[in-house]
Amino acid sequence: MYALKVWSGLRFDRGTRDEARLGGCAIYIFLMSLACLYYLANARILLGHYDLGWHLAAGDLIRDRGAIPYQDPWAFTLADKQWINLSWLWDVIASVVNEYTGVAGITLLVVACGAIIVGCLTWITLGSGACALAVCMAVSAASVFYPAFATPPNIYLAASPNTSTMLFSVIFYALCLNKQRRLLPPLMVLWANLHGGFVMGFLIIGLFGGVTLLRRDWVNFKYFGFTGVACLAATLINPLGWHIYVGVIETLGHFVQAHITEWRPYFENILVPDSLAGLTYILIFVALELRNGRDVSVPLEARLLSWLFLGLGFYQYRYMAFFYLFSTIPFALHFDLILPKRLKALAAGDNLRILGIISTCIVPLIFVWEAPALGLSDDLISDQDARYLETNFSHARVLNHWNVGGPMIARTHGTVPVFIDGRGATAYPDTLLRDYFMLEKWDIDETTWVAILEKYKIDAVLWPTVHDVLRHFLVDKRGWKEQYVGIHESLYVKP
C-alpha cells in the first residue's frame, strides 16, 4: 500500500496555498491569453477542417426543418440508410453563430474552447502542488501540442465537433480529480448532443472508479458507480434516443477507419520536421517517468490516463491529443522536482500578472489582424468551382473525392448531389463505402472503375488534379473530357 500512496498521492492543499501566493488569477490570465494568441495566429488552420462545410449545412437544415432529418437531401447514394447525426447540437450552434457573426465568430468560439481547456488544466495542475513555473511549462506545452497543427487535416482544436470532446474530456477529468461528480450528468446531456465522443466520459469515470476499487475506497467507488449510471441515463436525453449508440458503433471499429488518417497509427501521421517537437515531448515524458516516477507523487489517475492514451495514440493517432492533455499533471510535478529554486522565482505573481496583461492586450490585435482573411477554406473547392458545378451540373451524378464532399455540400446545398463525404458510416451504406475505397488508390484498377461508374450511372468525376493516372485512364482510354480544371480539382465528363 505504501507504493500505491507514493504513486497516487494528492496535494491539493499545497496547490491552494501556491495559488493564493501567486495573486489569484494571474497565472490563469497569463496561460489562457498566451494560448489564445497561439490559436488566433493559426486561425485559418482552425477553419480548414474538411467536414466544416457539411456541419454548417446540417445546422441550417435542422433549423429550417425544426427537426433532425432522417436522411439528408444532398447525396444520391444514400439508398435507405438513416443519417445518424451525432453532432446535431454543435451543427445548430455553428449555424447560428455563422449566420450572425460569420466564420470570425466560429473562430472565436473555438479559441474560447481552447482557453477554457487551458484554464482547466491550470486549475488541476496547480492543485497537484507543482510550482507556478512548472505549471506554466507543462500547461503551455500541452496547449501547443494537443491541437496537432503540424499534421492537417488532423487538427483537434478546430471548427468541428471534435473540439467539444476535447473540452468535455478535460472538464470531466478536472471534476473527477476534485470530487465534484454532481456536475457530470448534466454536462453529459450536453456532450452527448454535441459529439459522439461522449463515450470518452465513461472511460474517465470508469478509470477513476477502478482506482477507488483498487484503494478499497468503497464510498467513492459507489459514488462513481452511481455517477456512471446517471451519465448513461443522461445520454438518452437527445432527439435520437437510443439510436445515438448505433451511431457510435458505426463510427468506432468500422472498416472505414482504416481509410481515415486520424484513425491510423501515429507513425503514419508523422511529418518531418514538423512532428519532431511532439516526439521530443513524448520522449521526455517517458524518460522522466522511468527515472523519477517513484520520487514524484503523481495522482494515480493522471498517470494511468497519460500512459493509456500514449499507447492508444500510437495505435490510432487521434488519441495522442488526449495524451498531451492528461500528461500535464505528471509533467508539472516532474518539472517541479528538477527545476532550480532560482528559476522557480521567475514565475512570481507580479511577473505573471504583467505578462498576462500584455498578452491579453495583444489578443484583440491579433484577431483584428487575422479577421479579414478568415473564411471557408478554398484548399479543396472554391466558390468559383461551386458556381461552375451549379451552372453546368445541377442534379447530375458527380463522383467526388471524399475530402471534397463537405465543401460541396456547404457551397451548393445539394443542387449538385454528392457521391460521398466525411460523414462516412453514419450516413452512407457499407456497400457504397466499400465501392468508394476501391477507387482511392493511386494505381487504379480499371475494371473496378468501369464497374462503379456504370453501377452508379456517373455523369462526371470530380477528382484531385494531381492524379495523372486517373486522367490518363478517363481521357485517353475511356474518351472522357477534362472539362474544368480548378485550383486543386479537375472535372472529367462522360462523353
Protein backbone atom coordinates (compact mmCIF):
# COMPACT_ATOMS: atom_id res chain seq x y z
CA MET A 1 0.00 0.00 0.00
CA TYR A 2 2.97 2.33 0.54
CA ALA A 3 3.92 2.13 -3.15
CA LEU A 4 0.34 2.94 -4.10
CA LYS A 5 0.41 6.06 -1.88
CA VAL A 6 3.68 7.20 -3.44
CA TRP A 7 2.31 6.78 -6.96
CA SER A 8 -1.07 8.36 -6.31
CA GLY A 9 -0.74 10.93 -3.53
CA LEU A 10 -2.79 14.13 -3.88
CA ARG A 11 -1.61 17.52 -2.62
CA PHE A 12 -4.40 19.91 -3.36
CA ASP A 13 -3.94 21.87 -0.12
CA ARG A 14 -0.47 22.95 -1.10
CA GLY A 15 -1.71 23.93 -4.56
CA THR A 16 -4.32 26.18 -2.96
CA ARG A 17 -1.64 27.98 -0.96
CA ASP A 18 0.51 28.39 -4.07
CA GLU A 19 -2.42 29.81 -5.97
CA ALA A 20 -3.10 32.36 -3.26
CA ARG A 21 0.56 33.35 -3.18
CA LEU A 22 0.50 33.95 -6.93
CA GLY A 23 -2.04 36.67 -6.51
CA GLY A 24 -5.17 34.80 -7.51
CA CYS A 25 -5.88 34.64 -11.23
CA ALA A 26 -2.56 35.97 -12.61
CA ILE A 27 -1.37 32.57 -13.81
CA TYR A 28 -4.75 31.84 -15.41
CA ILE A 29 -4.75 35.14 -17.30
CA PHE A 30 -1.19 34.57 -18.49
CA LEU A 31 -1.64 30.98 -19.72
CA MET A 32 -5.10 31.45 -21.23
CA SER A 33 -4.16 34.65 -23.08
CA LEU A 34 -0.93 33.05 -24.31
CA ALA A 35 -2.91 30.09 -25.66
CA CYS A 36 -5.40 32.44 -27.34
CA LEU A 37 -2.55 34.22 -29.09
CA TYR A 38 -1.23 30.93 -30.42
CA TYR A 39 -4.64 29.71 -31.58
CA LEU A 40 -5.56 33.02 -33.24
CA ALA A 41 -2.23 33.00 -35.06
CA ASN A 42 -3.39 29.68 -36.54
CA ALA A 43 -6.98 30.84 -37.09
CA ARG A 44 -7.05 29.99 -40.79
CA ILE A 45 -5.98 26.44 -39.98
CA LEU A 46 -8.78 26.17 -37.42
CA LEU A 47 -11.27 26.77 -40.24
CA GLY A 48 -9.60 24.27 -42.57
CA HIS A 49 -11.33 21.14 -41.22
CA TYR A 50 -12.69 19.18 -44.19
CA ASP A 51 -16.05 18.50 -42.51
CA LEU A 52 -16.86 22.07 -41.50
CA GLY A 53 -18.92 22.57 -44.66
CA TRP A 54 -21.42 19.80 -44.09
CA HIS A 55 -21.68 20.65 -40.38
CA LEU A 56 -22.75 24.20 -41.23
CA ALA A 57 -25.17 22.93 -43.88
CA ALA A 58 -26.58 20.40 -41.39
CA GLY A 59 -27.18 23.15 -38.86
CA ASP A 60 -29.00 25.23 -41.47
CA LEU A 61 -31.09 22.20 -42.46
CA ILE A 62 -32.09 21.36 -38.88
CA ARG A 63 -33.04 24.97 -38.17
CA ASP A 64 -35.12 25.20 -41.37
CA ARG A 65 -36.99 21.95 -40.69
CA GLY A 66 -37.19 22.27 -36.93
CA ALA A 67 -36.10 18.63 -36.59
CA ILE A 68 -33.20 16.28 -37.31
CA PRO A 69 -33.80 14.77 -40.79
CA TYR A 70 -33.95 11.01 -41.21
CA GLN A 71 -31.93 11.36 -44.40
CA ASP A 72 -30.20 14.37 -45.86
CA PRO A 73 -31.12 15.86 -49.26
CA TRP A 74 -27.56 16.26 -50.51
CA ALA A 75 -26.36 12.82 -51.67
CA PHE A 76 -27.63 10.46 -54.36
CA THR A 77 -26.03 7.31 -52.92
CA LEU A 78 -27.78 7.00 -49.53
CA ALA A 79 -30.23 4.22 -50.53
CA ASP A 80 -32.34 3.59 -47.42
CA LYS A 81 -29.56 4.37 -44.95
CA GLN A 82 -30.53 6.53 -41.94
CA TRP A 83 -28.29 9.50 -41.24
CA ILE A 84 -27.46 9.46 -37.53
CA ASN A 85 -26.17 12.95 -36.87
CA LEU A 86 -24.28 12.63 -33.57
CA SER A 87 -23.25 16.29 -33.62
CA TRP A 88 -26.61 17.91 -34.36
CA LEU A 89 -26.40 20.43 -31.49
CA TRP A 90 -22.91 21.58 -32.47
CA ASP A 91 -24.11 21.96 -36.05
CA VAL A 92 -27.03 24.15 -34.95
CA ILE A 93 -24.82 26.31 -32.72
CA ALA A 94 -22.27 26.74 -35.51
CA SER A 95 -25.05 27.60 -37.97
CA VAL A 96 -26.45 30.31 -35.68
CA VAL A 97 -23.01 31.77 -34.98
CA ASN A 98 -22.15 31.73 -38.68
CA GLU A 99 -25.40 33.49 -39.63
CA TYR A 100 -24.93 36.39 -37.24
CA THR A 101 -21.14 36.73 -36.96
CA GLY A 102 -19.70 34.78 -39.88
CA VAL A 103 -16.71 32.48 -39.65
CA ALA A 104 -14.96 35.03 -37.42
CA GLY A 105 -17.49 34.21 -34.70
CA ILE A 106 -16.91 30.48 -35.17
CA THR A 107 -13.19 31.10 -34.83
CA LEU A 108 -13.69 32.99 -31.57
CA LEU A 109 -15.92 30.15 -30.29
CA VAL A 110 -13.19 27.61 -30.99
CA VAL A 111 -10.49 29.79 -29.42
CA ALA A 112 -12.69 30.27 -26.34
CA CYS A 113 -12.99 26.47 -26.00
CA GLY A 114 -9.21 26.24 -26.18
CA ALA A 115 -8.88 28.89 -23.48
CA ILE A 116 -11.29 27.00 -21.19
CA ILE A 117 -9.27 23.82 -21.71
CA VAL A 118 -6.10 25.66 -20.71
CA GLY A 119 -7.86 27.16 -17.68
CA CYS A 120 -8.99 23.71 -16.50
CA LEU A 121 -5.50 22.28 -16.97
CA THR A 122 -4.06 25.18 -14.97
CA TRP A 123 -6.57 24.60 -12.16
CA ILE A 124 -5.87 20.90 -11.73
CA THR A 125 -2.12 21.27 -12.20
CA LEU A 126 -1.88 23.97 -9.56
CA GLY A 127 -3.98 21.73 -7.32
CA SER A 128 -1.45 18.91 -7.66
CA GLY A 129 1.12 21.03 -5.80
CA ALA A 130 3.51 21.94 -8.61
CA CYS A 131 5.20 25.34 -8.51
CA ALA A 132 3.99 28.14 -10.77
CA LEU A 133 6.87 27.87 -13.25
CA ALA A 134 6.38 24.11 -13.61
CA VAL A 135 2.65 24.69 -14.18
CA CYS A 136 3.39 27.29 -16.84
CA MET A 137 5.81 24.99 -18.64
CA ALA A 138 3.55 21.93 -18.56
CA VAL A 139 0.30 23.68 -19.48
CA SER A 140 1.95 25.73 -22.24
CA ALA A 141 3.46 22.61 -23.77
CA ALA A 142 0.12 20.78 -23.69
CA SER A 143 -1.73 23.75 -25.21
CA VAL A 144 0.77 23.85 -28.08
CA PHE A 145 0.95 20.14 -28.88
CA TYR A 146 -2.57 18.75 -28.48
CA PRO A 147 -4.14 20.73 -31.37
CA ALA A 148 -1.67 18.98 -33.74
CA PHE A 149 -1.39 21.88 -36.21
CA ALA A 150 1.64 20.15 -37.73
CA THR A 151 -0.46 17.39 -39.28
CA PRO A 152 -3.53 18.88 -41.00
CA PRO A 153 -6.32 17.92 -41.53
CA ASN A 154 -5.95 16.05 -38.21
CA ILE A 155 -6.48 19.14 -36.05
CA TYR A 156 -8.10 18.59 -32.66
CA LEU A 157 -8.77 22.21 -31.79
CA ALA A 158 -10.69 23.21 -34.89
CA ALA A 159 -14.07 24.36 -36.11
CA SER A 160 -15.56 20.89 -35.72
CA PRO A 161 -17.45 18.92 -33.05
CA ASN A 162 -14.18 17.20 -32.07
CA THR A 163 -13.36 20.30 -30.06
CA SER A 164 -16.33 19.69 -27.74
CA THR A 165 -14.97 16.24 -26.91
CA MET A 166 -11.56 17.70 -26.11
CA LEU A 167 -13.23 20.30 -23.88
CA PHE A 168 -15.56 17.95 -22.01
CA SER A 169 -12.85 15.33 -21.54
CA VAL A 170 -10.71 17.86 -19.68
CA ILE A 171 -13.71 19.13 -17.67
CA PHE A 172 -14.69 15.55 -16.66
CA TYR A 173 -11.07 14.85 -15.74
CA ALA A 174 -10.85 18.00 -13.61
CA LEU A 175 -14.17 17.39 -11.83
CA CYS A 176 -13.32 13.76 -11.07
CA LEU A 177 -9.95 14.78 -9.64
CA ASN A 178 -11.62 17.36 -7.42
CA LYS A 179 -14.52 15.03 -6.46
CA GLN A 180 -17.19 17.31 -7.89
CA ARG A 181 -19.13 14.50 -9.53
CA ARG A 182 -22.62 16.00 -9.25
CA LEU A 183 -21.96 18.19 -12.27
CA LEU A 184 -21.11 15.27 -14.57
CA PRO A 185 -24.64 14.01 -15.51
CA PRO A 186 -25.96 17.45 -16.64
CA LEU A 187 -22.72 18.02 -18.55
CA MET A 188 -23.15 14.61 -20.18
CA VAL A 189 -26.52 15.72 -21.58
CA LEU A 190 -24.72 18.50 -23.45
CA TRP A 191 -21.79 16.34 -24.52
CA ALA A 192 -24.00 13.55 -25.90
CA ASN A 193 -25.77 16.03 -28.16
CA LEU A 194 -22.58 17.77 -29.30
CA HIS A 195 -20.39 14.86 -30.41
CA GLY A 196 -20.23 11.08 -30.46
CA GLY A 197 -17.01 11.25 -28.44
CA PHE A 198 -19.14 11.43 -25.27
CA VAL A 199 -18.24 7.77 -24.64
CA MET A 200 -14.84 9.11 -23.54
CA GLY A 201 -16.58 10.35 -20.40
CA PHE A 202 -17.42 6.79 -19.38
CA LEU A 203 -13.78 5.78 -19.80
CA ILE A 204 -12.69 8.61 -17.48
CA ILE A 205 -15.35 7.81 -14.88
CA GLY A 206 -14.57 4.10 -15.13
CA LEU A 207 -10.85 4.66 -14.59
CA PHE A 208 -11.44 6.81 -11.53
CA GLY A 209 -13.89 4.22 -10.21
CA GLY A 210 -11.36 1.46 -10.83
CA VAL A 211 -8.71 3.32 -8.82
CA THR A 212 -11.12 3.73 -5.88
CA LEU A 213 -11.76 -0.02 -6.06
CA LEU A 214 -8.00 -0.63 -6.04
CA ARG A 215 -7.74 1.53 -2.94
CA ARG A 216 -10.77 -0.22 -1.39
CA ASP A 217 -12.45 3.15 -1.05
CA TRP A 218 -15.98 1.77 -1.09
CA VAL A 219 -17.70 5.12 -0.50
CA ASN A 220 -16.17 6.82 -3.52
CA PHE A 221 -16.50 3.63 -5.56
CA LYS A 222 -20.26 3.73 -5.04
CA TYR A 223 -20.33 7.44 -5.90
CA PHE A 224 -18.53 6.81 -9.19
CA GLY A 225 -20.83 3.88 -9.89
CA PHE A 226 -23.95 5.99 -9.36
CA THR A 227 -22.39 8.82 -11.39
CA GLY A 228 -21.74 6.44 -14.29
CA VAL A 229 -25.33 5.19 -14.25
CA ALA A 230 -26.66 8.76 -14.09
CA CYS A 231 -24.44 9.76 -17.03
CA LEU A 232 -25.68 6.73 -19.01
CA ALA A 233 -29.27 7.85 -18.44
CA ALA A 234 -28.30 11.42 -19.37
CA THR A 235 -27.04 10.33 -22.80
CA LEU A 236 -30.58 9.23 -23.71
CA ILE A 237 -31.84 12.81 -23.41
CA ASN A 238 -31.42 13.55 -27.10
CA PRO A 239 -33.60 13.59 -30.23
CA LEU A 240 -32.08 10.31 -31.49
CA GLY A 241 -32.83 8.32 -28.32
CA TRP A 242 -31.00 5.01 -28.07
CA HIS A 243 -30.03 5.26 -31.75
CA ILE A 244 -27.23 7.51 -30.59
CA TYR A 245 -25.34 4.34 -29.66
CA VAL A 246 -25.97 2.91 -33.12
CA GLY A 247 -24.13 5.94 -34.49
CA VAL A 248 -21.25 5.43 -32.06
CA ILE A 249 -20.95 1.76 -33.02
CA GLU A 250 -20.99 2.69 -36.70
CA THR A 251 -18.03 5.01 -36.06
CA LEU A 252 -15.86 3.03 -33.64
CA GLY A 253 -14.35 -0.12 -35.05
CA HIS A 254 -15.82 0.36 -38.52
CA PHE A 255 -13.70 -0.64 -41.53
CA VAL A 256 -13.84 2.96 -42.75
CA GLN A 257 -11.33 3.91 -40.02
CA ALA A 258 -8.54 2.26 -41.99
CA HIS A 259 -9.02 4.89 -44.70
CA ILE A 260 -9.16 8.00 -42.47
CA THR A 261 -5.78 9.38 -41.46
CA GLU A 262 -6.66 10.38 -37.89
CA TRP A 263 -7.69 6.78 -37.14
CA ARG A 264 -4.42 5.39 -38.46
CA PRO A 265 -1.31 4.70 -36.33
CA TYR A 266 0.78 7.60 -35.07
CA PHE A 267 3.77 6.80 -37.25
CA GLU A 268 1.67 7.10 -40.42
CA ASN A 269 0.89 10.73 -39.45
CA ILE A 270 4.43 11.88 -38.67
CA LEU A 271 5.77 14.74 -40.75
CA VAL A 272 9.46 15.67 -40.61
CA PRO A 273 10.49 18.11 -39.25
CA ASP A 274 7.01 19.29 -38.11
CA SER A 275 6.39 16.37 -35.74
CA LEU A 276 9.83 16.33 -34.10
CA ALA A 277 8.79 18.67 -31.27
CA GLY A 278 5.83 16.44 -30.33
CA LEU A 279 8.04 13.35 -30.43
CA THR A 280 10.56 15.09 -28.18
CA TYR A 281 7.75 15.83 -25.69
CA ILE A 282 6.83 12.13 -25.65
CA LEU A 283 10.44 11.02 -25.16
CA ILE A 284 10.96 13.49 -22.29
CA PHE A 285 7.76 12.27 -20.61
CA VAL A 286 8.82 8.62 -20.84
CA ALA A 287 12.35 9.43 -19.62
CA LEU A 288 11.11 11.42 -16.61
CA GLU A 289 8.56 8.78 -15.69
CA LEU A 290 11.13 5.97 -15.83
CA ARG A 291 13.78 7.94 -13.93
CA ASN A 292 11.78 9.88 -11.34
CA GLY A 293 8.44 8.07 -11.31
CA ARG A 294 8.63 6.91 -7.70
CA ASP A 295 10.08 10.18 -6.46
CA VAL A 296 7.10 12.23 -7.68
CA SER A 297 3.70 11.96 -6.03
CA VAL A 298 1.56 11.98 -9.18
CA PRO A 299 -2.16 11.17 -8.80
CA LEU A 300 -2.54 7.59 -9.97
CA GLU A 301 -5.49 8.52 -12.20
CA ALA A 302 -3.42 11.14 -14.04
CA ARG A 303 -0.56 8.71 -14.53
CA LEU A 304 -2.80 5.91 -15.78
CA LEU A 305 -4.65 8.17 -18.21
CA SER A 306 -1.35 9.54 -19.54
CA TRP A 307 0.12 6.11 -20.25
CA LEU A 308 -3.19 4.73 -21.53
CA PHE A 309 -3.60 7.45 -24.14
CA LEU A 310 0.06 7.37 -25.06
CA GLY A 311 -0.44 3.73 -26.01
CA LEU A 312 -3.75 4.43 -27.73
CA GLY A 313 -2.15 7.36 -29.55
CA PHE A 314 0.44 5.11 -31.14
CA TYR A 315 -2.37 2.75 -32.14
CA GLN A 316 -4.64 5.48 -33.53
CA TYR A 317 -3.31 8.99 -33.98
CA ARG A 318 -6.45 10.84 -32.82
CA TYR A 319 -5.88 9.69 -29.22
CA MET A 320 -2.43 11.26 -28.99
CA ALA A 321 -4.05 14.67 -28.38
CA PHE A 322 -5.57 13.30 -25.16
CA PHE A 323 -2.14 12.12 -24.02
CA TYR A 324 -0.82 15.67 -24.21
CA LEU A 325 -3.76 16.89 -22.11
CA PHE A 326 -3.70 14.19 -19.45
CA SER A 327 0.09 14.27 -19.10
CA THR A 328 0.04 17.87 -17.85
CA ILE A 329 -0.02 16.98 -14.13
CA PRO A 330 2.80 14.38 -14.32
CA PHE A 331 4.92 16.76 -16.38
CA ALA A 332 4.40 19.67 -13.99
CA LEU A 333 5.33 17.58 -10.96
CA HIS A 334 8.44 16.26 -12.69
CA PHE A 335 9.48 19.81 -13.57
CA ASP A 336 8.77 20.91 -10.00
CA LEU A 337 11.22 18.26 -8.80
CA ILE A 338 14.11 19.14 -11.12
CA LEU A 339 13.81 22.94 -11.52
CA PRO A 340 16.32 25.03 -9.52
CA LYS A 341 14.85 27.38 -6.92
CA ARG A 342 16.21 30.42 -8.74
CA LEU A 343 14.20 29.58 -11.83
CA LYS A 344 11.04 28.97 -9.80
CA ALA A 345 11.21 32.56 -8.61
CA LEU A 346 10.78 33.77 -12.20
CA ALA A 347 7.10 32.87 -12.06
CA ALA A 348 6.27 35.14 -9.14
CA GLY A 349 2.80 36.64 -9.10
CA ASP A 350 3.84 40.14 -10.24
CA ASN A 351 5.79 38.83 -13.23
CA LEU A 352 2.90 36.66 -14.37
CA ARG A 353 0.42 39.48 -13.87
CA ILE A 354 2.42 41.85 -16.07
CA LEU A 355 2.95 39.22 -18.79
CA GLY A 356 -0.73 38.27 -18.62
CA ILE A 357 -1.85 41.88 -19.07
CA ILE A 358 0.50 42.35 -22.03
CA SER A 359 -0.60 39.15 -23.80
CA THR A 360 -4.28 39.89 -23.11
CA CYS A 361 -3.93 43.28 -24.76
CA ILE A 362 -2.32 41.68 -27.81
CA VAL A 363 -5.14 39.11 -28.29
CA PRO A 364 -7.69 41.52 -29.86
CA LEU A 365 -4.97 43.00 -32.08
CA ILE A 366 -4.12 39.55 -33.47
CA PHE A 367 -7.81 38.86 -34.06
CA VAL A 368 -8.29 42.14 -35.92
CA TRP A 369 -5.21 41.32 -38.00
CA GLU A 370 -6.46 37.83 -38.90
CA ALA A 371 -10.20 38.55 -39.27
CA PRO A 372 -10.14 39.89 -42.88
CA ALA A 373 -8.50 36.67 -44.11
CA LEU A 374 -10.90 34.31 -42.33
CA GLY A 375 -13.33 32.30 -44.42
CA LEU A 376 -14.24 28.81 -45.54
CA SER A 377 -11.13 27.18 -46.94
CA ASP A 378 -10.62 27.21 -50.73
CA ASP A 379 -7.99 24.49 -50.45
CA LEU A 380 -10.28 21.85 -51.97
CA ILE A 381 -13.11 23.60 -53.78
CA SER A 382 -13.63 27.33 -54.27
CA ASP A 383 -16.73 29.44 -54.81
CA GLN A 384 -15.81 29.63 -58.48
CA ASP A 385 -15.65 25.82 -58.68
CA ALA A 386 -19.03 25.54 -56.96
CA ARG A 387 -20.66 28.09 -59.30
CA TYR A 388 -19.41 26.18 -62.33
CA LEU A 389 -20.80 22.92 -60.98
CA GLU A 390 -24.16 24.51 -60.16
CA THR A 391 -24.42 26.11 -63.61
CA ASN A 392 -23.43 23.07 -65.64
CA PHE A 393 -24.06 20.01 -63.48
CA SER A 394 -27.08 20.80 -61.36
CA HIS A 395 -28.67 17.50 -60.31
CA ALA A 396 -26.04 15.48 -62.19
CA ARG A 397 -24.48 12.34 -60.71
CA VAL A 398 -20.96 13.51 -59.86
CA LEU A 399 -18.48 11.08 -58.35
CA ASN A 400 -16.49 13.29 -55.99
CA HIS A 401 -13.43 12.64 -53.84
CA TRP A 402 -14.14 12.06 -50.12
CA ASN A 403 -12.45 15.29 -48.98
CA VAL A 404 -14.42 17.44 -51.44
CA GLY A 405 -17.85 16.22 -50.28
CA GLY A 406 -18.14 18.52 -47.24
CA PRO A 407 -17.15 21.71 -49.09
CA MET A 408 -19.50 20.79 -51.98
CA ILE A 409 -22.42 20.47 -49.56
CA ALA A 410 -21.57 23.82 -47.95
CA ARG A 411 -21.30 25.71 -51.23
CA THR A 412 -24.09 24.07 -53.29
CA HIS A 413 -26.53 22.83 -50.58
CA GLY A 414 -27.50 19.83 -52.65
CA THR A 415 -28.01 21.44 -56.05
CA VAL A 416 -25.05 19.30 -57.09
CA PRO A 417 -25.62 16.00 -55.22
CA VAL A 418 -22.54 14.41 -53.70
CA PHE A 419 -21.36 10.84 -54.03
CA ILE A 420 -19.74 10.71 -50.59
CA ASP A 421 -18.39 12.94 -47.80
CA GLY A 422 -16.83 12.82 -44.34
CA ARG A 423 -19.93 11.55 -42.54
CA GLY A 424 -18.87 8.05 -43.57
CA ALA A 425 -20.68 5.16 -41.93
CA THR A 426 -23.14 7.39 -40.05
CA ALA A 427 -24.79 8.42 -43.34
CA TYR A 428 -23.74 6.02 -46.12
CA PRO A 429 -24.36 2.27 -46.55
CA ASP A 430 -21.41 -0.07 -46.22
CA THR A 431 -21.70 -1.20 -49.85
CA LEU A 432 -21.20 2.37 -51.06
CA LEU A 433 -18.24 2.88 -48.73
CA ARG A 434 -16.56 -0.34 -49.90
CA ASP A 435 -17.08 0.65 -53.52
CA TYR A 436 -15.62 4.11 -52.97
CA PHE A 437 -12.49 2.97 -51.15
CA MET A 438 -11.62 0.71 -54.07
CA LEU A 439 -11.25 3.89 -56.12
CA GLU A 440 -8.88 5.82 -53.85
CA LYS A 441 -5.70 4.01 -54.87
CA TRP A 442 -3.12 5.87 -56.93
CA ASP A 443 -2.62 2.91 -59.26
CA ILE A 444 -6.20 2.46 -60.36
CA ASP A 445 -7.93 -0.80 -61.13
CA GLU A 446 -9.53 -0.05 -64.49
CA THR A 447 -12.06 -2.87 -64.26
CA THR A 448 -13.24 -1.62 -60.85
CA TRP A 449 -13.57 1.96 -62.07
CA VAL A 450 -15.63 0.91 -65.08
CA ALA A 451 -17.92 -1.23 -62.92
CA ILE A 452 -18.55 1.50 -60.35
CA LEU A 453 -19.05 4.23 -62.97
CA GLU A 454 -21.72 2.05 -64.57
CA LYS A 455 -23.24 0.86 -61.28
CA TYR A 456 -23.95 4.40 -60.04
CA LYS A 457 -24.61 5.86 -63.54
CA ILE A 458 -21.93 8.52 -63.06
CA ASP A 459 -22.09 11.59 -65.34
CA ALA A 460 -18.86 13.28 -64.17
CA VAL A 461 -15.89 12.69 -61.88
CA LEU A 462 -14.53 15.44 -59.60
CA TRP A 463 -11.06 14.31 -58.52
CA PRO A 464 -7.70 15.84 -57.49
CA THR A 465 -5.91 17.27 -60.49
CA VAL A 466 -2.61 15.69 -59.45
CA HIS A 467 -4.00 12.18 -60.06
CA ASP A 468 -2.42 11.78 -63.50
CA VAL A 469 -3.11 8.04 -63.64
CA LEU A 470 -6.86 8.66 -63.46
CA ARG A 471 -6.64 11.41 -66.10
CA HIS A 472 -4.85 9.03 -68.45
CA PHE A 473 -7.48 6.33 -67.89
CA LEU A 474 -10.57 8.52 -68.25
CA VAL A 475 -9.38 10.84 -71.03
CA ASP A 476 -7.05 8.68 -73.10
CA LYS A 477 -8.66 5.28 -72.66
CA ARG A 478 -12.34 5.98 -71.99
CA GLY A 479 -12.80 9.09 -74.12
CA TRP A 480 -13.93 11.35 -71.27
CA LYS A 481 -13.21 15.08 -71.39
CA GLU A 482 -11.34 17.08 -68.76
CA GLN A 483 -13.89 19.87 -68.97
CA TYR A 484 -12.91 22.00 -65.98
CA VAL A 485 -9.69 22.42 -64.00
CA GLY A 486 -9.93 24.20 -60.65
CA ILE A 487 -7.19 25.08 -58.20
CA HIS A 488 -6.99 21.55 -56.87
CA GLU A 489 -9.76 19.54 -58.55
CA SER A 490 -10.45 18.52 -62.13
CA LEU A 491 -13.85 17.64 -63.58
CA TYR A 492 -13.98 14.77 -66.05
CA VAL A 493 -17.19 14.50 -68.07
CA LYS A 494 -18.65 11.38 -69.64
CA PRO A 495 -18.81 11.53 -73.45
